[in-house]
Protein backbone atom coordinates (compact mmCIF):
# COMPACT_ATOMS: atom_id res chain seq x y z
CA ASP A 1 13.04 62.47 -16.76
CA ALA A 2 13.92 60.63 -13.53
CA MET A 3 17.47 59.70 -14.57
CA THR A 4 18.51 63.28 -15.32
CA HIS A 5 16.87 64.45 -12.11
CA ALA A 6 18.85 61.81 -10.15
CA GLY A 7 22.08 62.73 -11.93
CA VAL A 8 22.47 59.44 -13.83
CA ASP A 9 24.13 59.61 -17.23
CA SER A 10 21.54 57.99 -19.52
CA HIS A 11 24.17 57.41 -22.25
CA LYS A 12 26.18 55.16 -19.89
CA VAL A 13 23.06 53.16 -19.03
CA VAL A 14 22.18 52.67 -22.70
CA SER A 15 25.80 51.74 -23.50
CA CYS A 16 25.87 49.16 -20.66
CA MET A 17 22.61 47.61 -21.87
CA GLN A 18 23.94 47.41 -25.46
CA ASP A 19 27.24 45.89 -24.30
CA SER A 20 25.46 43.17 -22.31
CA GLY A 21 23.32 42.02 -25.22
CA GLY A 22 20.86 44.79 -25.91
CA LEU A 23 17.08 44.83 -25.80
CA GLU A 24 16.30 43.61 -29.31
CA GLY A 25 15.91 39.93 -30.08
CA ASP A 26 16.55 36.85 -27.96
CA VAL A 27 20.16 37.62 -27.04
CA GLU A 28 22.07 36.32 -24.03
CA ASN A 29 22.88 38.91 -21.34
CA THR A 30 26.67 38.61 -21.30
CA ILE A 31 27.29 40.48 -18.04
CA LEU A 32 24.70 38.41 -16.18
CA GLU A 33 26.05 35.14 -17.62
CA THR A 34 29.61 36.10 -16.63
CA GLN A 35 28.49 36.78 -13.05
CA LEU A 36 26.53 33.49 -12.85
CA ALA A 37 29.52 31.52 -14.16
CA ALA A 38 31.82 33.17 -11.60
CA LYS A 39 29.36 32.32 -8.82
CA GLU A 40 29.24 28.66 -9.81
CA ALA A 41 33.02 28.47 -10.23
CA SER A 42 33.64 29.85 -6.74
CA GLY A 43 31.02 27.56 -5.12
CA VAL A 44 28.86 30.35 -3.75
CA ILE A 45 25.31 29.21 -3.17
CA ILE A 46 22.82 31.90 -2.36
CA LEU A 47 19.95 30.80 -0.18
CA PRO A 48 17.72 32.76 2.07
CA ALA A 49 19.45 32.49 5.42
CA ALA A 50 19.11 33.81 8.93
CA SER A 51 21.20 33.32 12.04
CA VAL A 52 19.47 32.59 15.34
CA ASN A 53 21.70 32.07 18.38
CA ASN A 54 24.68 31.46 16.09
CA ALA A 55 22.79 28.71 14.26
CA ALA A 56 22.13 29.23 10.58
CA LEU A 57 18.62 28.78 9.26
CA ARG A 58 18.71 28.15 5.53
CA GLY A 59 16.07 27.55 2.93
CA GLU A 60 12.64 29.01 2.75
CA LEU A 61 12.42 31.29 5.75
CA GLU A 62 8.86 31.39 6.89
CA PHE A 63 7.75 33.32 9.94
CA ALA A 64 6.81 30.15 11.81
CA THR A 65 10.27 28.63 11.32
CA VAL A 66 12.14 31.71 12.55
CA PHE A 67 9.66 32.29 15.39
CA LYS A 68 10.00 28.73 16.69
CA ALA A 69 13.80 28.88 16.38
CA ILE A 70 13.93 32.09 18.42
CA CYS A 71 11.56 30.74 21.08
CA ALA A 72 13.48 27.45 21.27
CA GLY A 73 16.63 29.38 22.19
CA PHE A 74 15.26 30.36 25.61
CA MET A 75 15.80 28.23 28.69
CA THR A 76 12.77 26.45 30.12
CA GLY A 77 10.62 28.95 31.99
CA SER A 78 12.44 32.02 30.68
CA ALA A 79 10.70 32.28 27.29
CA PRO A 80 8.68 35.45 26.67
CA ALA A 81 4.93 35.19 27.09
CA ILE A 82 4.38 35.54 23.35
CA CYS A 83 6.34 32.32 22.77
CA THR A 84 4.14 30.28 25.08
CA LYS A 85 0.98 31.97 23.86
CA CYS A 86 1.60 31.56 20.13
CA ALA A 87 3.56 28.30 20.06
CA THR A 88 0.37 26.23 20.08
CA CYS A 89 -1.52 28.24 17.45
CA GLY A 90 -0.28 25.90 14.77
CA ILE A 91 -1.68 27.50 11.64
CA ASP A 92 -0.81 31.19 11.84
CA GLU A 93 1.85 32.21 14.35
CA TYR A 94 2.37 35.54 12.58
CA GLN A 95 -1.25 36.60 13.11
CA CYS A 96 -0.97 35.50 16.74
CA VAL A 97 2.09 37.72 17.28
CA VAL A 98 0.40 40.67 15.56
CA ASP A 99 -2.95 40.32 17.37
CA ASN A 100 -1.49 38.95 20.64
CA LYS A 101 -3.93 36.02 20.52
CA CYS A 102 -4.37 32.85 18.49
CA PRO A 103 -6.52 33.32 15.41
CA SER A 104 -8.03 29.86 16.00
CA ALA A 105 -9.58 31.22 19.19
CA GLN A 106 -11.38 33.84 17.10
CA SER A 107 -12.98 31.29 14.81
CA SER A 108 -14.31 29.15 17.64
CA VAL A 109 -17.72 29.61 19.22
CA SER A 110 -17.83 31.96 22.19
CA VAL A 111 -18.79 30.56 25.59
CA PRO A 112 -22.17 32.40 25.86
CA VAL A 113 -23.20 31.19 22.40
CA PHE A 114 -22.17 27.62 23.26
CA ILE A 115 -24.08 27.68 26.56
CA SER A 116 -27.15 29.16 24.85
CA ALA A 117 -27.08 26.52 22.13
CA LEU A 118 -26.60 23.74 24.67
CA GLY A 119 -29.48 25.11 26.75
CA GLY A 120 -31.67 25.26 23.64
CA VAL A 121 -30.92 21.64 22.79
CA VAL A 122 -31.63 20.53 26.38
CA LEU A 123 -34.89 22.53 26.40
CA PHE A 124 -35.97 21.09 23.05
CA PHE A 125 -35.35 17.49 24.05
CA GLY A 126 -36.89 18.13 27.48
CA CYS A 127 -40.08 19.36 25.80
CA VAL A 128 -40.11 16.39 23.43
CA GLY A 129 -39.63 14.04 26.39
CA LEU A 130 -42.41 15.73 28.39
CA ILE A 131 -44.83 15.53 25.47
CA GLN A 132 -43.98 11.86 24.94
CA TRP A 133 -44.43 11.10 28.66
CA GLN A 134 -47.82 12.86 28.75
CA ARG A 135 -48.89 10.98 25.63
CA SER A 136 -47.91 7.62 27.12
CA GLN A 137 -49.71 8.48 30.38
CA ARG A 138 -52.86 9.38 28.44
CA GLN A 139 -52.69 6.13 26.48
CA MET A 140 -52.15 4.13 29.67
CA ARG A 141 -55.16 5.80 31.36
CA GLU A 142 -57.33 5.01 28.35
CA GLN A 143 -56.19 1.38 28.38
CA VAL A 144 -56.84 1.06 32.12
CA LYS A 145 -60.31 2.60 31.70
CA GLY A 146 -61.02 0.13 28.91
CA ILE A 147 -59.90 -2.82 31.01
CA VAL A 148 -61.88 -1.63 34.03
CA ALA A 149 -64.96 -1.04 31.86
CA GLU A 150 -64.76 -4.61 30.57
CA TYR A 151 -64.43 -6.32 33.95
CA MET A 152 -66.19 -4.10 36.46
CA PRO A 153 -69.77 -3.01 36.12
CA LEU A 154 -70.16 0.64 36.99
CA ASP A 155 -73.92 1.09 37.20
CA ARG A 156 -76.69 -0.71 39.10
CA GLN A 157 -78.14 -2.62 36.20
CA HIS A 158 -74.91 -4.23 35.27
CA ALA A 159 -73.98 -4.88 38.88
CA GLU A 160 -77.01 -7.07 39.54
CA THR A 161 -76.63 -9.00 36.31
CA ALA A 162 -73.03 -9.71 37.15
CA GLY A 163 -74.03 -11.54 40.30
CA ILE A 164 -72.98 -8.90 42.80
CA PRO A 165 -75.87 -7.88 45.02
CA LEU A 166 -76.15 -4.17 45.82
CA ASP A 167 -76.23 -3.01 49.40
CA GLU A 168 -77.81 0.16 50.65
CA ASN A 169 -74.37 1.73 51.01
CA ASP A 170 -73.47 1.02 47.37
CA ALA A 171 -75.74 3.80 46.19
CA ASP A 172 -73.41 6.35 47.78
CA PHE A 173 -70.45 5.30 45.64
CA THR A 174 -72.12 4.98 42.24
């Protein structure tokens, strides 16, 4: 038994528990109620509290609150590097202090991945633009050929029927 090994008189513990209300039934703990009444009568209010630079911080003491209070106590330019590094983390100052870097920087995309993705997007749209330009050039050539075919005779038979006499030198160009 742990109590006998620690040198605690188990009979005194059982007697104290019985005197304060016991374990059976829904009975008020008289010792606890006496202490709570004395606390209220004396005006003692127990809150979580910390003192930073002789200023009391009361209420729910979160790491961010205490960390910012400590860092705010330094004169401008004399704050430790961890204060300037982790003050802008916003979400998790504790993790920043532990890891010595903002956790938001971890969740962002690394520079090589960003550059690769940006290069891929530029390459993709460049290829799409090149294909579209070639397509429009091909369509324009076909339209020009169609227009030229309608208005300009290209062989000798059509040239003479169009009213343009052929010279001897015209045979070289047809």
